């Protein structure tokens, strides 16, 4: 069965109200901006970032697991993990480091790599242009972006701060950056929404997430078609 057929088989098991909500959310989803977290290890931050991405309509979150496994807390994420696409990049024997693998993959997909970091040559997040898709990268707690990430970045950007303390919690940083960039993206561009193919993939994934025993239902439907 193709995607459309699978969606059609699961539709009767999803309320009309739920399907309408899915469509309204899909209309505001984007993959123009992707968020990348490098080795974030505190469950509170891991969970808060997932929730923030979901609330701002950012569909894709990439997590780089160097020394620490990404462990979101379900109570803090409040179900957001069900609705976004989480991509894990792990260290594997014989492969290049996960930070490089992740960033080079994103660049091959047409994303500019933006490392959030203060210092000389760093743009204010308000000055960051949206002429092409962005992979917005955040480093680990305390240490910030690694040397690997900074070396691979096309652009460095920072959040302007007015106090003595020149750093935000990573989950706060993600929220502030997305508030600025998503607002401008919606205002200044008209090509930020998901493609039809991306929407269909999510329609199916979200129905599977919503319907109990969805794989059994689809399996039975497939057997019926083949018989």
N, C-alpha and C. Protein backbone atom coordinates (compact mmCIF):
# COMPACT_ATOMS: atom_id res chain seq x y z
N UNK A 1 0.84 -1.20 0.00
CA UNK A 1 0.00 0.00 0.00
C UNK A 1 0.87 1.25 0.00
N UNK A 2 0.44 2.25 -0.73
CA UNK A 2 1.16 3.51 -0.69
C UNK A 2 0.71 4.34 0.51
N UNK A 3 1.33 5.51 0.69
CA UNK A 3 1.03 6.34 1.85
C UNK A 3 -0.45 6.72 1.91
N UNK A 4 -0.98 7.16 0.78
CA UNK A 4 -2.38 7.61 0.76
C UNK A 4 -3.34 6.49 1.15
N UNK A 5 -3.06 5.29 0.69
CA UNK A 5 -3.92 4.15 1.02
C UNK A 5 -3.84 3.81 2.51
N UNK A 6 -2.64 3.86 3.06
CA UNK A 6 -2.50 3.59 4.49
C UNK A 6 -3.22 4.64 5.33
N UNK A 7 -3.09 5.89 4.93
CA UNK A 7 -3.79 6.96 5.65
C UNK A 7 -5.30 6.73 5.60
N UNK A 8 -5.79 6.37 4.41
CA UNK A 8 -7.23 6.14 4.25
C UNK A 8 -7.72 4.98 5.12
N UNK A 9 -6.93 3.94 5.27
CA UNK A 9 -7.33 2.81 6.11
C UNK A 9 -7.40 3.19 7.59
N UNK A 10 -6.53 4.10 8.02
CA UNK A 10 -6.51 4.49 9.43
C UNK A 10 -7.48 5.62 9.77
N UNK A 11 -7.92 6.36 8.76
CA UNK A 11 -8.78 7.51 9.01
C UNK A 11 -10.05 7.19 9.82
N UNK A 12 -10.73 6.06 9.56
CA UNK A 12 -11.94 5.79 10.34
C UNK A 12 -11.70 5.60 11.84
N UNK A 13 -10.45 5.37 12.22
CA UNK A 13 -10.12 5.16 13.63
C UNK A 13 -9.69 6.45 14.32
N UNK A 14 -9.69 7.56 13.58
CA UNK A 14 -9.31 8.86 14.12
C UNK A 14 -10.51 9.78 14.03
N UNK A 15 -10.84 10.48 15.10
CA UNK A 15 -12.01 11.35 15.08
C UNK A 15 -11.83 12.48 14.07
N UNK A 16 -12.96 12.98 13.58
CA UNK A 16 -12.91 14.09 12.63
C UNK A 16 -12.22 15.30 13.25
N UNK A 17 -12.49 15.53 14.53
CA UNK A 17 -11.88 16.67 15.22
C UNK A 17 -10.35 16.52 15.27
N UNK A 18 -9.88 15.28 15.55
CA UNK A 18 -8.44 15.04 15.62
C UNK A 18 -7.80 15.21 14.25
N UNK A 19 -8.46 14.71 13.21
CA UNK A 19 -7.91 14.86 11.86
C UNK A 19 -7.82 16.33 11.47
N UNK A 20 -8.83 17.11 11.85
CA UNK A 20 -8.81 18.54 11.54
C UNK A 20 -7.67 19.24 12.28
N UNK A 21 -7.42 18.83 13.52
CA UNK A 21 -6.32 19.41 14.28
C UNK A 21 -4.98 19.07 13.63
N UNK A 22 -4.84 17.82 13.18
CA UNK A 22 -3.61 17.43 12.49
C UNK A 22 -3.37 18.31 11.27
N UNK A 23 -4.42 18.56 10.50
CA UNK A 23 -4.26 19.36 9.29
C UNK A 23 -3.89 20.80 9.61
N UNK A 24 -4.48 21.36 10.66
CA UNK A 24 -4.16 22.74 11.02
C UNK A 24 -2.72 22.87 11.51
N UNK A 25 -2.24 21.85 12.23
CA UNK A 25 -0.85 21.85 12.68
C UNK A 25 0.11 21.65 11.51
N UNK A 26 -0.22 20.70 10.62
CA UNK A 26 0.62 20.45 9.44
C UNK A 26 0.81 21.71 8.61
N UNK A 27 -0.22 22.51 8.50
CA UNK A 27 -0.15 23.73 7.68
C UNK A 27 0.88 24.72 8.22
N UNK A 28 1.23 24.59 9.49
CA UNK A 28 2.17 25.52 10.12
C UNK A 28 3.52 24.89 10.44
N UNK A 29 3.73 23.66 10.01
CA UNK A 29 5.00 22.98 10.24
C UNK A 29 6.03 23.44 9.20
N UNK A 30 7.31 23.42 9.61
CA UNK A 30 8.37 23.79 8.69
C UNK A 30 9.58 22.88 8.86
N UNK A 31 10.30 22.66 7.76
CA UNK A 31 11.62 22.05 7.84
C UNK A 31 12.68 23.02 7.30
N UNK A 32 12.27 24.27 7.07
CA UNK A 32 13.20 25.31 6.60
C UNK A 32 14.27 25.56 7.66
N UNK A 33 13.87 25.48 8.93
CA UNK A 33 14.80 25.58 10.05
C UNK A 33 14.79 24.24 10.78
N UNK A 34 15.98 23.69 11.02
CA UNK A 34 16.13 22.51 11.86
C UNK A 34 16.98 22.87 13.06
N UNK A 35 16.68 22.27 14.20
CA UNK A 35 17.46 22.51 15.41
C UNK A 35 18.40 21.32 15.63
N UNK A 36 19.64 21.63 16.00
CA UNK A 36 20.65 20.62 16.28
C UNK A 36 21.18 20.83 17.70
N UNK A 37 21.16 19.78 18.51
CA UNK A 37 21.71 19.82 19.87
C UNK A 37 22.93 18.91 19.93
N UNK A 38 24.03 19.45 20.42
CA UNK A 38 25.25 18.68 20.53
C UNK A 38 25.50 18.25 21.97
N UNK A 39 25.31 16.97 22.24
CA UNK A 39 25.69 16.35 23.51
C UNK A 39 25.01 16.97 24.73
N UNK A 40 23.78 17.44 24.57
CA UNK A 40 23.02 17.93 25.72
C UNK A 40 22.69 16.75 26.62
N UNK A 41 22.95 16.88 27.92
CA UNK A 41 22.81 15.72 28.79
C UNK A 41 21.80 15.88 29.93
N UNK A 42 21.36 17.09 30.22
CA UNK A 42 20.40 17.27 31.30
C UNK A 42 18.98 16.97 30.80
N UNK A 43 18.27 16.03 31.43
CA UNK A 43 16.93 15.65 30.94
C UNK A 43 15.97 16.83 30.83
N UNK A 44 16.09 17.78 31.75
CA UNK A 44 15.18 18.94 31.69
C UNK A 44 15.39 19.71 30.39
N UNK A 45 16.64 19.96 30.03
CA UNK A 45 16.92 20.70 28.79
C UNK A 45 16.52 19.90 27.57
N UNK A 46 16.84 18.63 27.56
CA UNK A 46 16.49 17.77 26.44
C UNK A 46 14.99 17.81 26.18
N UNK A 47 14.22 17.76 27.24
CA UNK A 47 12.76 17.72 27.13
C UNK A 47 12.19 19.07 26.75
N UNK A 48 12.73 20.13 27.35
CA UNK A 48 12.23 21.47 27.08
C UNK A 48 12.45 21.86 25.62
N UNK A 49 13.57 21.44 25.05
CA UNK A 49 13.85 21.77 23.65
C UNK A 49 12.87 21.06 22.72
N UNK A 50 12.57 19.81 22.98
CA UNK A 50 11.57 19.10 22.18
C UNK A 50 10.24 19.84 22.21
N UNK A 51 9.84 20.22 23.40
CA UNK A 51 8.55 20.92 23.55
C UNK A 51 8.57 22.26 22.82
N UNK A 52 9.70 22.97 22.91
CA UNK A 52 9.82 24.26 22.24
C UNK A 52 9.75 24.11 20.73
N UNK A 53 10.47 23.14 20.18
CA UNK A 53 10.42 22.91 18.74
C UNK A 53 9.00 22.61 18.28
N UNK A 54 8.32 21.75 19.01
CA UNK A 54 6.95 21.38 18.64
C UNK A 54 6.03 22.59 18.68
N UNK A 55 6.17 23.40 19.70
CA UNK A 55 5.29 24.58 19.84
C UNK A 55 5.53 25.62 18.75
N UNK A 56 6.78 25.73 18.27
CA UNK A 56 7.09 26.70 17.22
C UNK A 56 6.96 26.11 15.81
N UNK A 57 6.54 24.86 15.70
CA UNK A 57 6.30 24.28 14.39
C UNK A 57 7.54 23.78 13.68
N UNK A 58 8.65 23.63 14.43
CA UNK A 58 9.89 23.09 13.85
C UNK A 58 9.80 21.57 13.90
N UNK A 59 9.73 20.94 12.74
CA UNK A 59 9.44 19.50 12.70
C UNK A 59 10.64 18.62 13.02
N UNK A 60 11.85 19.08 12.69
CA UNK A 60 13.03 18.22 12.77
C UNK A 60 14.01 18.69 13.84
N UNK A 61 14.30 17.79 14.76
CA UNK A 61 15.29 18.04 15.81
C UNK A 61 16.37 16.97 15.69
N UNK A 62 17.62 17.42 15.55
CA UNK A 62 18.76 16.52 15.45
C UNK A 62 19.53 16.55 16.77
N UNK A 63 19.83 15.38 17.30
CA UNK A 63 20.60 15.31 18.53
C UNK A 63 21.89 14.53 18.27
N UNK A 64 23.01 15.15 18.64
CA UNK A 64 24.33 14.54 18.47
C UNK A 64 24.73 13.95 19.82
N UNK A 65 24.91 12.64 19.84
CA UNK A 65 25.25 11.94 21.08
C UNK A 65 26.73 11.56 21.04
N UNK A 66 27.54 12.39 21.68
CA UNK A 66 28.98 12.12 21.71
C UNK A 66 29.34 11.33 22.98
N UNK A 67 29.25 12.00 24.11
CA UNK A 67 29.55 11.36 25.39
C UNK A 67 28.29 11.02 26.17
N UNK A 68 27.17 11.62 25.81
CA UNK A 68 25.95 11.48 26.59
C UNK A 68 24.79 11.06 25.70
N UNK A 69 23.98 10.16 26.21
CA UNK A 69 22.76 9.77 25.52
C UNK A 69 21.69 10.82 25.77
N UNK A 70 20.90 11.10 24.75
CA UNK A 70 19.82 12.09 24.84
C UNK A 70 18.63 11.45 25.53
N UNK A 71 18.31 11.94 26.73
CA UNK A 71 17.26 11.31 27.55
C UNK A 71 16.20 12.34 27.95
N UNK A 72 15.21 12.58 27.10
CA UNK A 72 14.16 13.53 27.47
C UNK A 72 13.26 12.98 28.57
N UNK A 73 12.74 13.89 29.37
CA UNK A 73 11.81 13.57 30.45
C UNK A 73 10.38 13.73 29.93
N UNK A 74 9.60 12.67 29.95
CA UNK A 74 8.26 12.68 29.36
C UNK A 74 7.35 13.71 30.03
N UNK A 75 7.50 13.91 31.34
CA UNK A 75 6.64 14.86 32.04
C UNK A 75 6.87 16.29 31.57
N UNK A 76 8.12 16.62 31.24
CA UNK A 76 8.44 17.96 30.79
C UNK A 76 8.11 18.13 29.32
N UNK A 77 8.39 17.12 28.52
CA UNK A 77 8.11 17.20 27.08
C UNK A 77 6.61 17.28 26.80
N UNK A 78 5.79 16.76 27.73
CA UNK A 78 4.33 16.84 27.63
C UNK A 78 3.81 16.29 26.30
N UNK A 79 4.35 15.16 25.86
CA UNK A 79 3.84 14.51 24.66
C UNK A 79 4.40 15.05 23.35
N UNK A 80 5.27 16.07 23.42
CA UNK A 80 5.79 16.68 22.18
C UNK A 80 6.60 15.69 21.35
N UNK A 81 7.20 14.69 22.01
CA UNK A 81 7.99 13.70 21.27
C UNK A 81 7.14 12.91 20.27
N UNK A 82 5.84 12.89 20.47
CA UNK A 82 4.96 12.16 19.56
C UNK A 82 4.80 12.85 18.21
N UNK A 83 5.11 14.13 18.15
CA UNK A 83 4.71 14.93 16.99
C UNK A 83 5.86 15.54 16.22
N UNK A 84 7.10 15.42 16.70
CA UNK A 84 8.23 15.92 15.93
C UNK A 84 9.08 14.75 15.44
N UNK A 85 9.99 15.04 14.52
CA UNK A 85 10.88 14.01 13.97
C UNK A 85 12.24 14.17 14.65
N UNK A 86 12.60 13.17 15.44
CA UNK A 86 13.84 13.21 16.21
C UNK A 86 14.89 12.35 15.50
N UNK A 87 16.01 12.98 15.16
CA UNK A 87 17.10 12.30 14.45
C UNK A 87 18.30 12.19 15.38
N UNK A 88 18.72 10.98 15.67
CA UNK A 88 19.86 10.75 16.56
C UNK A 88 21.12 10.47 15.73
N UNK A 89 22.21 11.10 16.13
CA UNK A 89 23.51 10.90 15.48
C UNK A 89 24.48 10.41 16.54
N UNK A 90 24.84 9.11 16.45
CA UNK A 90 25.63 8.47 17.50
C UNK A 90 27.03 8.14 16.99
N UNK A 91 27.92 7.96 17.95
CA UNK A 91 29.27 7.51 17.62
C UNK A 91 29.22 6.02 17.29
N UNK A 92 29.75 5.65 16.15
CA UNK A 92 29.79 4.24 15.76
C UNK A 92 31.21 3.89 15.34
N UNK A 93 31.64 2.65 15.60
CA UNK A 93 33.01 2.25 15.26
C UNK A 93 33.31 2.42 13.77
N UNK A 94 34.46 3.02 13.49
CA UNK A 94 34.89 3.15 12.11
C UNK A 94 34.29 4.30 11.34
N UNK A 95 33.39 5.07 11.97
CA UNK A 95 32.76 6.19 11.25
C UNK A 95 33.35 7.51 11.74
N UNK A 96 33.08 8.58 11.01
CA UNK A 96 33.57 9.88 11.44
C UNK A 96 32.81 10.34 12.68
N UNK A 97 33.35 11.28 13.45
CA UNK A 97 32.69 11.74 14.67
C UNK A 97 31.26 12.19 14.40
N UNK A 98 30.36 11.96 15.35
CA UNK A 98 28.93 12.24 15.10
C UNK A 98 28.63 13.71 14.78
N UNK A 99 29.38 14.63 15.38
CA UNK A 99 29.14 16.04 15.06
C UNK A 99 29.40 16.31 13.58
N UNK A 100 30.53 15.84 13.08
CA UNK A 100 30.85 16.05 11.67
C UNK A 100 29.86 15.32 10.77
N UNK A 101 29.50 14.11 11.13
CA UNK A 101 28.56 13.34 10.30
C UNK A 101 27.22 14.05 10.20
N UNK A 102 26.74 14.55 11.32
CA UNK A 102 25.45 15.25 11.33
C UNK A 102 25.50 16.51 10.49
N UNK A 103 26.51 17.35 10.73
CA UNK A 103 26.56 18.65 10.06
C UNK A 103 26.81 18.50 8.56
N UNK A 104 27.65 17.56 8.18
CA UNK A 104 27.91 17.37 6.76
C UNK A 104 26.70 16.80 6.04
N UNK A 105 25.94 15.96 6.73
CA UNK A 105 24.69 15.46 6.16
C UNK A 105 23.71 16.60 5.93
N UNK A 106 23.58 17.47 6.92
CA UNK A 106 22.67 18.61 6.78
C UNK A 106 23.12 19.55 5.67
N UNK A 107 24.42 19.78 5.58
CA UNK A 107 24.91 20.64 4.50
C UNK A 107 24.62 20.03 3.13
N UNK A 108 24.73 18.72 3.02
CA UNK A 108 24.43 18.06 1.75
C UNK A 108 22.95 18.18 1.38
N UNK A 109 22.12 18.42 2.40
CA UNK A 109 20.68 18.60 2.17
C UNK A 109 20.33 20.06 1.87
N UNK A 110 21.35 20.93 1.84
CA UNK A 110 21.10 22.33 1.48
C UNK A 110 20.99 23.28 2.65
N UNK A 111 21.37 22.83 3.85
CA UNK A 111 21.27 23.69 5.03
C UNK A 111 22.58 24.43 5.29
N UNK A 112 22.46 25.72 5.64
CA UNK A 112 23.60 26.44 6.18
C UNK A 112 23.73 26.08 7.66
N UNK A 113 24.95 25.88 8.12
CA UNK A 113 25.20 25.48 9.50
C UNK A 113 25.45 26.75 10.33
N UNK A 114 24.56 26.98 11.29
CA UNK A 114 24.66 28.15 12.16
C UNK A 114 24.98 27.68 13.58
N UNK A 115 26.16 28.05 14.07
CA UNK A 115 26.53 27.72 15.45
C UNK A 115 26.19 28.90 16.34
N UNK A 116 25.44 28.65 17.40
CA UNK A 116 25.13 29.73 18.34
C UNK A 116 26.31 29.87 19.30
N UNK A 117 26.99 31.01 19.19
CA UNK A 117 28.20 31.25 20.00
C UNK A 117 28.50 32.74 20.00
N UNK A 118 28.87 33.31 21.16
CA UNK A 118 29.26 34.72 21.20
C UNK A 118 30.68 34.88 20.68
N UNK A 119 31.14 36.12 20.60
CA UNK A 119 32.53 36.36 20.22
C UNK A 119 32.66 37.12 18.92
N UNK A 120 33.89 37.40 18.56
CA UNK A 120 34.17 38.16 17.35
C UNK A 120 33.65 37.42 16.12
N UNK A 121 33.05 38.19 15.23
CA UNK A 121 32.54 37.61 14.00
C UNK A 121 31.19 36.95 14.13
N UNK A 122 30.60 37.00 15.31
CA UNK A 122 29.28 36.39 15.54
C UNK A 122 28.19 37.42 15.28
N UNK A 123 27.21 37.05 14.46
CA UNK A 123 26.09 37.94 14.17
C UNK A 123 25.04 37.87 15.27
N UNK A 124 24.35 38.96 15.48
CA UNK A 124 23.15 38.90 16.30
C UNK A 124 22.13 38.01 15.59
N UNK A 125 21.37 37.26 16.36
CA UNK A 125 20.34 36.41 15.78
C UNK A 125 19.34 37.25 14.98
N UNK A 126 19.23 38.53 15.32
CA UNK A 126 18.33 39.43 14.60
C UNK A 126 18.84 39.75 13.21
N UNK A 127 20.16 39.60 13.01
CA UNK A 127 20.77 39.91 11.71
C UNK A 127 20.90 38.69 10.81
N UNK A 128 20.57 37.54 11.32
CA UNK A 128 20.73 36.30 10.57
C UNK A 128 19.72 36.27 9.42
N UNK A 129 20.22 36.17 8.20
CA UNK A 129 19.29 36.22 7.07
C UNK A 129 18.68 34.84 6.82
N UNK A 130 17.54 34.86 6.21
CA UNK A 130 16.77 33.65 5.95
C UNK A 130 16.68 33.40 4.45
N UNK A 131 17.80 33.58 3.76
CA UNK A 131 17.81 33.40 2.31
C UNK A 131 17.84 31.94 1.91
N UNK A 132 18.22 31.07 2.84
CA UNK A 132 18.24 29.63 2.55
C UNK A 132 18.05 28.87 3.86
N UNK A 133 17.73 27.58 3.80
CA UNK A 133 17.44 26.82 5.02
C UNK A 133 18.60 26.82 6.02
N UNK A 134 18.24 26.81 7.30
CA UNK A 134 19.21 26.90 8.39
C UNK A 134 19.17 25.66 9.28
N UNK A 135 20.35 25.19 9.68
CA UNK A 135 20.48 24.22 10.76
C UNK A 135 21.04 24.98 11.94
N UNK A 136 20.21 25.22 12.92
CA UNK A 136 20.54 26.07 14.07
C UNK A 136 21.10 25.18 15.18
N UNK A 137 22.40 25.34 15.47
CA UNK A 137 23.11 24.39 16.33
C UNK A 137 23.41 24.99 17.70
N UNK A 138 23.20 24.17 18.73
CA UNK A 138 23.44 24.57 20.11
C UNK A 138 24.35 23.57 20.78
N UNK A 139 25.35 24.07 21.51
CA UNK A 139 26.31 23.20 22.17
C UNK A 139 25.81 22.69 23.50
N UNK A 140 26.65 21.89 24.12
CA UNK A 140 26.30 21.27 25.38
C UNK A 140 26.26 22.28 26.53
N UNK A 141 25.60 21.91 27.63
CA UNK A 141 25.57 22.75 28.81
C UNK A 141 27.00 23.02 29.28
N UNK A 142 27.20 24.21 29.82
CA UNK A 142 28.49 24.66 30.36
C UNK A 142 29.51 24.94 29.27
N UNK A 143 29.89 23.95 28.49
CA UNK A 143 30.99 24.14 27.54
C UNK A 143 30.57 24.84 26.26
N UNK A 144 29.30 24.76 25.89
CA UNK A 144 28.84 25.35 24.65
C UNK A 144 29.24 24.53 23.43
N UNK A 145 29.27 25.17 22.29
CA UNK A 145 29.58 24.48 21.03
C UNK A 145 31.02 23.98 21.04
N UNK A 146 31.21 22.77 20.53
CA UNK A 146 32.55 22.18 20.49
C UNK A 146 33.39 22.85 19.40
N UNK A 147 34.70 22.62 19.45
CA UNK A 147 35.58 23.13 18.41
C UNK A 147 35.20 22.55 17.05
N UNK A 148 34.76 21.28 17.03
CA UNK A 148 34.32 20.65 15.79
C UNK A 148 33.15 21.41 15.18
N UNK A 149 32.17 21.71 16.03
CA UNK A 149 30.98 22.40 15.55
C UNK A 149 31.34 23.79 15.04
N UNK A 150 32.15 24.51 15.81
CA UNK A 150 32.52 25.87 15.41
C UNK A 150 33.31 25.88 14.11
N UNK A 151 34.20 24.89 13.95
CA UNK A 151 35.01 24.84 12.73
C UNK A 151 34.16 24.51 11.51
N UNK A 152 33.12 23.73 11.70
CA UNK A 152 32.28 23.29 10.59
C UNK A 152 31.20 24.32 10.24
N UNK A 153 30.94 25.27 11.13
CA UNK A 153 29.84 26.21 10.95
C UNK A 153 30.10 27.17 9.79
N UNK A 154 29.04 27.50 9.06
CA UNK A 154 29.10 28.53 8.02
C UNK A 154 28.97 29.91 8.64
N UNK A 155 28.21 29.99 9.73
CA UNK A 155 27.90 31.27 10.38
C UNK A 155 27.90 31.05 11.88
N UNK A 156 28.31 32.06 12.62
CA UNK A 156 28.15 32.05 14.08
C UNK A 156 27.17 33.15 14.44
N UNK A 157 26.26 32.86 15.36
CA UNK A 157 25.23 33.83 15.75
C UNK A 157 25.06 33.80 17.26
N UNK A 158 24.61 34.92 17.82
CA UNK A 158 24.41 35.00 19.26
C UNK A 158 23.13 35.76 19.58
N UNK A 159 22.65 35.58 20.79
CA UNK A 159 21.50 36.32 21.29
C UNK A 159 22.02 37.54 22.05
N UNK A 160 21.63 38.75 21.67
CA UNK A 160 22.11 39.93 22.40
C UNK A 160 21.69 39.86 23.87
N UNK A 161 22.62 40.18 24.77
CA UNK A 161 22.36 40.14 26.22
C UNK A 161 22.81 41.46 26.84
N UNK A 162 22.11 41.87 27.87
CA UNK A 162 22.33 43.19 28.44
C UNK A 162 22.92 43.15 29.85
N UNK A 163 23.09 41.98 30.41
CA UNK A 163 23.55 41.88 31.79
C UNK A 163 24.99 41.44 31.91
N UNK A 164 25.42 41.22 33.16
CA UNK A 164 26.77 40.71 33.41
C UNK A 164 26.91 39.26 32.95
N UNK A 165 25.84 38.47 33.15
CA UNK A 165 25.87 37.06 32.79
C UNK A 165 25.62 36.93 31.29
N UNK A 166 26.59 36.46 30.57
CA UNK A 166 26.51 36.42 29.11
C UNK A 166 26.20 35.02 28.58
N UNK A 167 25.23 34.36 29.21
CA UNK A 167 24.81 33.06 28.70
C UNK A 167 23.41 32.74 29.20
N UNK A 168 22.64 32.07 28.35
CA UNK A 168 21.33 31.56 28.72
C UNK A 168 21.40 30.04 28.84
N UNK A 169 20.48 29.48 29.60
CA UNK A 169 20.27 28.04 29.58
C UNK A 169 19.98 27.62 28.14
N UNK A 170 20.45 26.42 27.73
CA UNK A 170 20.32 26.02 26.34
C UNK A 170 18.86 25.95 25.88
N UNK A 171 17.96 25.52 26.73
CA UNK A 171 16.55 25.45 26.32
C UNK A 171 15.97 26.85 26.15
N UNK A 172 16.41 27.79 26.97
CA UNK A 172 15.97 29.19 26.82
C UNK A 172 16.54 29.76 25.53
N UNK A 173 17.79 29.44 25.22
CA UNK A 173 18.41 29.93 23.99
C UNK A 173 17.65 29.45 22.77
N UNK A 174 17.27 28.18 22.76
CA UNK A 174 16.51 27.64 21.63
C UNK A 174 15.19 28.39 21.48
N UNK A 175 14.51 28.61 22.59
CA UNK A 175 13.20 29.29 22.55
C UNK A 175 13.34 30.72 22.02
N UNK A 176 14.35 31.45 22.49
CA UNK A 176 14.53 32.84 22.04
C UNK A 176 14.88 32.90 20.56
N UNK A 177 15.76 32.01 20.12
CA UNK A 177 16.14 32.00 18.70
C UNK A 177 14.95 31.66 17.82
N UNK A 178 14.19 30.64 18.19
CA UNK A 178 13.05 30.25 17.36
C UNK A 178 11.96 31.31 17.36
N UNK A 179 11.76 31.97 18.48
CA UNK A 179 10.76 33.04 18.52
C UNK A 179 11.11 34.12 17.49
N UNK A 180 12.38 34.49 17.44
CA UNK A 180 12.84 35.51 16.49
C UNK A 180 12.76 35.00 15.05
N UNK A 181 13.30 33.81 14.79
CA UNK A 181 13.45 33.35 13.42
C UNK A 181 12.14 32.86 12.81
N UNK A 182 11.32 32.16 13.58
CA UNK A 182 10.04 31.67 13.03
C UNK A 182 9.12 32.85 12.73
N UNK A 183 9.13 33.86 13.59
CA UNK A 183 8.32 35.05 13.32
C UNK A 183 8.72 35.71 12.00
N UNK A 184 10.01 35.87 11.78
CA UNK A 184 10.48 36.48 10.54
C UNK A 184 10.24 35.57 9.34
N UNK A 185 10.41 34.27 9.55
CA UNK A 185 10.20 33.32 8.46
C UNK A 185 8.77 33.41 7.94
N UNK A 186 7.81 33.42 8.82
CA UNK A 186 6.41 33.50 8.42
C UNK A 186 6.09 34.84 7.77
N UNK A 187 6.76 35.88 8.24
CA UNK A 187 6.46 37.22 7.71
C UNK A 187 7.13 37.49 6.37
N UNK A 188 8.35 36.99 6.19
CA UNK A 188 9.17 37.42 5.05
C UNK A 188 9.24 36.43 3.90
N UNK A 189 8.87 35.15 4.14
CA UNK A 189 8.97 34.15 3.08
C UNK A 189 7.64 33.43 2.91
N UNK A 190 7.44 32.86 1.74
CA UNK A 190 6.21 32.10 1.51
C UNK A 190 6.51 30.65 1.11
N UNK A 191 7.77 30.22 1.31
CA UNK A 191 8.15 28.87 0.90
C UNK A 191 8.67 28.05 2.08
N UNK A 192 8.18 28.36 3.28
CA UNK A 192 8.70 27.71 4.48
C UNK A 192 7.94 26.44 4.86
N UNK A 193 6.80 26.20 4.27
CA UNK A 193 5.97 25.08 4.71
C UNK A 193 6.51 23.75 4.17
N UNK A 194 6.03 22.66 4.72
CA UNK A 194 6.45 21.33 4.30
C UNK A 194 5.97 21.03 2.89
N UNK A 195 6.70 20.16 2.22
CA UNK A 195 6.25 19.69 0.90
C UNK A 195 5.06 18.76 1.07
N UNK A 196 4.35 18.49 -0.02
CA UNK A 196 3.21 17.57 0.04
C UNK A 196 3.66 16.18 0.50
N UNK A 197 4.84 15.75 0.02
CA UNK A 197 5.34 14.43 0.41
C UNK A 197 5.65 14.38 1.91
N UNK A 198 6.26 15.44 2.43
CA UNK A 198 6.55 15.50 3.87
C UNK A 198 5.26 15.47 4.68
N UNK A 199 4.27 16.19 4.21
CA UNK A 199 2.98 16.21 4.92
C UNK A 199 2.34 14.83 4.95
N UNK A 200 2.39 14.13 3.83
CA UNK A 200 1.80 12.78 3.79
C UNK A 200 2.53 11.83 4.74
N UNK A 201 3.85 11.94 4.78
CA UNK A 201 4.61 11.09 5.71
C UNK A 201 4.19 11.35 7.15
N UNK A 202 3.97 12.61 7.48
CA UNK A 202 3.56 12.94 8.85
C UNK A 202 2.10 12.57 9.11
N UNK A 203 1.25 12.72 8.11
CA UNK A 203 -0.14 12.28 8.28
C UNK A 203 -0.18 10.81 8.70
N UNK A 204 0.61 10.00 8.03
CA UNK A 204 0.63 8.58 8.37
C UNK A 204 1.27 8.35 9.73
N UNK A 205 2.40 8.98 9.99
CA UNK A 205 3.09 8.79 11.27
C UNK A 205 2.21 9.22 12.43
N UNK A 206 1.51 10.32 12.29
CA UNK A 206 0.66 10.82 13.38
C UNK A 206 -0.57 9.93 13.58
N UNK A 207 -1.09 9.38 12.50
CA UNK A 207 -2.20 8.44 12.66
C UNK A 207 -1.74 7.16 13.36
N UNK A 208 -0.56 6.68 12.99
CA UNK A 208 -0.02 5.51 13.68
C UNK A 208 0.19 5.80 15.16
N UNK A 209 0.60 7.03 15.46
CA UNK A 209 0.82 7.42 16.85
C UNK A 209 -0.50 7.48 17.61
N UNK A 210 -1.57 7.82 16.91
CA UNK A 210 -2.87 8.04 17.55
C UNK A 210 -3.69 6.76 17.69
N UNK A 211 -3.60 5.88 16.69
CA UNK A 211 -4.46 4.70 16.63
C UNK A 211 -3.78 3.51 17.30
N UNK A 212 -4.44 2.92 18.27
CA UNK A 212 -3.90 1.71 18.89
C UNK A 212 -3.90 0.56 17.89
N UNK A 213 -2.85 -0.24 17.95
CA UNK A 213 -2.71 -1.41 17.06
C UNK A 213 -2.76 -1.02 15.58
N UNK A 214 -2.21 0.16 15.26
CA UNK A 214 -2.26 0.63 13.87
C UNK A 214 -1.54 -0.33 12.92
N UNK A 215 -0.42 -0.90 13.35
CA UNK A 215 0.31 -1.80 12.46
C UNK A 215 -0.51 -3.07 12.19
N UNK A 216 -1.24 -3.55 13.19
CA UNK A 216 -2.10 -4.71 12.97
C UNK A 216 -3.20 -4.38 11.97
N UNK A 217 -3.76 -3.20 12.10
CA UNK A 217 -4.84 -2.78 11.19
C UNK A 217 -4.32 -2.71 9.76
N UNK A 218 -3.14 -2.11 9.59
CA UNK A 218 -2.57 -1.98 8.25
C UNK A 218 -2.16 -3.35 7.70
N UNK A 219 -1.67 -4.22 8.58
CA UNK A 219 -1.31 -5.57 8.15
C UNK A 219 -2.52 -6.33 7.65
N UNK A 220 -3.63 -6.21 8.38
CA UNK A 220 -4.87 -6.88 7.96
C UNK A 220 -5.38 -6.31 6.64
N UNK A 221 -5.27 -5.01 6.48
CA UNK A 221 -5.70 -4.38 5.24
C UNK A 221 -4.86 -4.87 4.06
N UNK A 222 -3.55 -4.97 4.28
CA UNK A 222 -2.67 -5.45 3.22
C UNK A 222 -3.00 -6.88 2.80
N UNK A 223 -3.27 -7.73 3.80
CA UNK A 223 -3.62 -9.11 3.49
C UNK A 223 -4.93 -9.19 2.72
N UNK A 224 -5.85 -8.32 3.07
CA UNK A 224 -7.14 -8.31 2.37
C UNK A 224 -6.95 -7.90 0.92
N UNK A 225 -6.07 -6.93 0.67
CA UNK A 225 -5.81 -6.51 -0.70
C UNK A 225 -5.17 -7.62 -1.51
N UNK A 226 -4.26 -8.36 -0.88
CA UNK A 226 -3.52 -9.41 -1.57
C UNK A 226 -4.33 -10.67 -1.80
N UNK A 227 -5.41 -10.87 -1.02
CA UNK A 227 -6.17 -12.10 -1.14
C UNK A 227 -7.16 -12.07 -2.32
